[in-house]
Amino acid sequence: MLTPGERRFRRKLDIFVVLLVAVTAMLLMLERAADEQVRAADPQPATSTAG
């Protein structure tokens, strides 16, 4: 059985982990959106064969 102090610590740790995952997911979505905007602004394909 957990003591009240341990229970409080576990709750704070759970909240921290959830916030960390949420911020990481948000940053990944923003990075993907920025990549798509760059690709949409660039008319030539990424793999261009010159020559």
N, C-alpha and C. Protein backbone atom coordinates (compact mmCIF):
# COMPACT_ATOMS: atom_id res chain seq x y z
N MET A 1 0.85 -1.19 0.00
CA MET A 1 0.00 0.00 0.00
C MET A 1 0.89 1.25 0.00
N LEU A 2 0.51 2.21 -0.84
CA LEU A 2 1.30 3.43 -0.94
C LEU A 2 0.92 4.41 0.16
N THR A 3 1.91 5.12 0.64
CA THR A 3 1.63 6.17 1.61
C THR A 3 1.06 7.38 0.87
N PRO A 4 0.42 8.31 1.57
CA PRO A 4 -0.13 9.50 0.88
C PRO A 4 0.94 10.29 0.12
N GLY A 5 2.16 10.37 0.67
CA GLY A 5 3.23 11.07 -0.04
C GLY A 5 3.61 10.37 -1.34
N GLU A 6 3.69 9.04 -1.29
CA GLU A 6 4.00 8.28 -2.51
C GLU A 6 2.89 8.41 -3.54
N ARG A 7 1.64 8.40 -3.06
CA ARG A 7 0.51 8.53 -3.98
C ARG A 7 0.54 9.89 -4.67
N ARG A 8 0.86 10.94 -3.90
CA ARG A 8 0.95 12.28 -4.47
C ARG A 8 2.06 12.34 -5.52
N PHE A 9 3.20 11.73 -5.20
CA PHE A 9 4.33 11.71 -6.13
C PHE A 9 3.96 10.97 -7.41
N ARG A 10 3.31 9.82 -7.27
CA ARG A 10 2.91 9.05 -8.45
C ARG A 10 1.94 9.85 -9.33
N ARG A 11 1.02 10.58 -8.70
CA ARG A 11 0.06 11.38 -9.46
C ARG A 11 0.77 12.49 -10.22
N LYS A 12 1.72 13.17 -9.57
CA LYS A 12 2.48 14.21 -10.26
C LYS A 12 3.30 13.62 -11.39
N LEU A 13 3.87 12.45 -11.16
CA LEU A 13 4.67 11.81 -12.20
C LEU A 13 3.79 11.43 -13.39
N ASP A 14 2.59 10.90 -13.13
CA ASP A 14 1.67 10.55 -14.22
C ASP A 14 1.28 11.79 -15.02
N ILE A 15 0.99 12.89 -14.33
CA ILE A 15 0.62 14.12 -15.03
C ILE A 15 1.78 14.61 -15.88
N PHE A 16 3.00 14.55 -15.34
CA PHE A 16 4.18 14.98 -16.08
C PHE A 16 4.37 14.15 -17.35
N VAL A 17 4.20 12.83 -17.24
CA VAL A 17 4.38 11.96 -18.40
C VAL A 17 3.33 12.26 -19.46
N VAL A 18 2.08 12.47 -19.05
CA VAL A 18 1.02 12.78 -20.01
C VAL A 18 1.32 14.09 -20.72
N LEU A 19 1.75 15.11 -19.96
CA LEU A 19 2.08 16.40 -20.59
C LEU A 19 3.27 16.26 -21.53
N LEU A 20 4.26 15.48 -21.15
CA LEU A 20 5.42 15.28 -22.01
C LEU A 20 5.03 14.62 -23.33
N VAL A 21 4.18 13.61 -23.26
CA VAL A 21 3.72 12.94 -24.48
C VAL A 21 2.90 13.91 -25.34
N ALA A 22 2.05 14.71 -24.71
CA ALA A 22 1.22 15.66 -25.47
C ALA A 22 2.09 16.70 -26.17
N VAL A 23 3.09 17.24 -25.48
CA VAL A 23 3.96 18.25 -26.10
C VAL A 23 4.77 17.63 -27.22
N THR A 24 5.25 16.41 -27.04
CA THR A 24 6.01 15.74 -28.09
C THR A 24 5.15 15.51 -29.33
N ALA A 25 3.91 15.06 -29.13
CA ALA A 25 3.02 14.84 -30.26
C ALA A 25 2.72 16.16 -30.98
N MET A 26 2.52 17.23 -30.21
CA MET A 26 2.24 18.53 -30.83
C MET A 26 3.42 19.00 -31.66
N LEU A 27 4.64 18.84 -31.13
CA LEU A 27 5.83 19.25 -31.89
C LEU A 27 5.99 18.43 -33.15
N LEU A 28 5.72 17.14 -33.08
CA LEU A 28 5.82 16.31 -34.28
C LEU A 28 4.80 16.73 -35.33
N MET A 29 3.57 17.04 -34.90
CA MET A 29 2.55 17.49 -35.86
C MET A 29 2.93 18.83 -36.48
N LEU A 30 3.48 19.74 -35.68
CA LEU A 30 3.91 21.04 -36.22
C LEU A 30 5.06 20.86 -37.22
N GLU A 31 5.98 19.97 -36.91
CA GLU A 31 7.10 19.73 -37.82
C GLU A 31 6.60 19.14 -39.14
N ARG A 32 5.65 18.20 -39.04
CA ARG A 32 5.11 17.59 -40.26
C ARG A 32 4.34 18.63 -41.08
N ALA A 33 3.59 19.50 -40.43
CA ALA A 33 2.86 20.54 -41.15
C ALA A 33 3.83 21.51 -41.83
N ALA A 34 4.92 21.85 -41.15
CA ALA A 34 5.92 22.74 -41.76
C ALA A 34 6.57 22.08 -42.97
N ASP A 35 6.85 20.78 -42.88
CA ASP A 35 7.43 20.07 -44.02
C ASP A 35 6.47 20.06 -45.20
N GLU A 36 5.17 19.85 -44.92
CA GLU A 36 4.20 19.84 -46.00
C GLU A 36 4.07 21.22 -46.65
N GLN A 37 4.16 22.29 -45.85
CA GLN A 37 4.10 23.63 -46.42
C GLN A 37 5.31 23.90 -47.30
N VAL A 38 6.48 23.44 -46.86
CA VAL A 38 7.69 23.63 -47.67
C VAL A 38 7.55 22.85 -48.98
N ARG A 39 7.03 21.62 -48.89
CA ARG A 39 6.85 20.81 -50.10
C ARG A 39 5.82 21.44 -51.03
N ALA A 40 4.76 22.01 -50.48
CA ALA A 40 3.73 22.63 -51.32
C ALA A 40 4.27 23.90 -51.97
N ALA A 41 5.16 24.62 -51.31
CA ALA A 41 5.72 25.84 -51.88
C ALA A 41 6.79 25.55 -52.91
N ASP A 42 7.39 24.36 -52.86
CA ASP A 42 8.46 23.99 -53.79
C ASP A 42 7.86 23.20 -54.95
N PRO A 43 7.83 23.77 -56.15
CA PRO A 43 7.16 23.07 -57.26
C PRO A 43 7.92 21.87 -57.80
N GLN A 44 9.24 21.82 -57.63
CA GLN A 44 9.98 20.70 -58.20
C GLN A 44 10.05 19.54 -57.22
N PRO A 45 10.08 18.33 -57.75
CA PRO A 45 10.11 17.15 -56.86
C PRO A 45 11.43 17.07 -56.09
N ALA A 46 11.40 16.34 -55.00
CA ALA A 46 12.59 16.25 -54.14
C ALA A 46 13.70 15.47 -54.83
N THR A 47 13.34 14.47 -55.63
CA THR A 47 14.36 13.67 -56.33
C THR A 47 14.42 14.15 -57.78
N SER A 48 15.28 15.12 -58.02
CA SER A 48 15.43 15.63 -59.38
C SER A 48 16.70 15.03 -59.99
N THR A 49 16.58 14.58 -61.21
CA THR A 49 17.73 13.99 -61.91
C THR A 49 18.23 15.01 -62.91
N ALA A 50 19.36 15.60 -62.62
CA ALA A 50 19.95 16.61 -63.52
C ALA A 50 20.95 15.92 -64.44
N GLY A 51 20.89 16.31 -65.71
CA GLY A 51 21.91 15.77 -66.56
C GLY A 51 21.35 15.18 -67.77
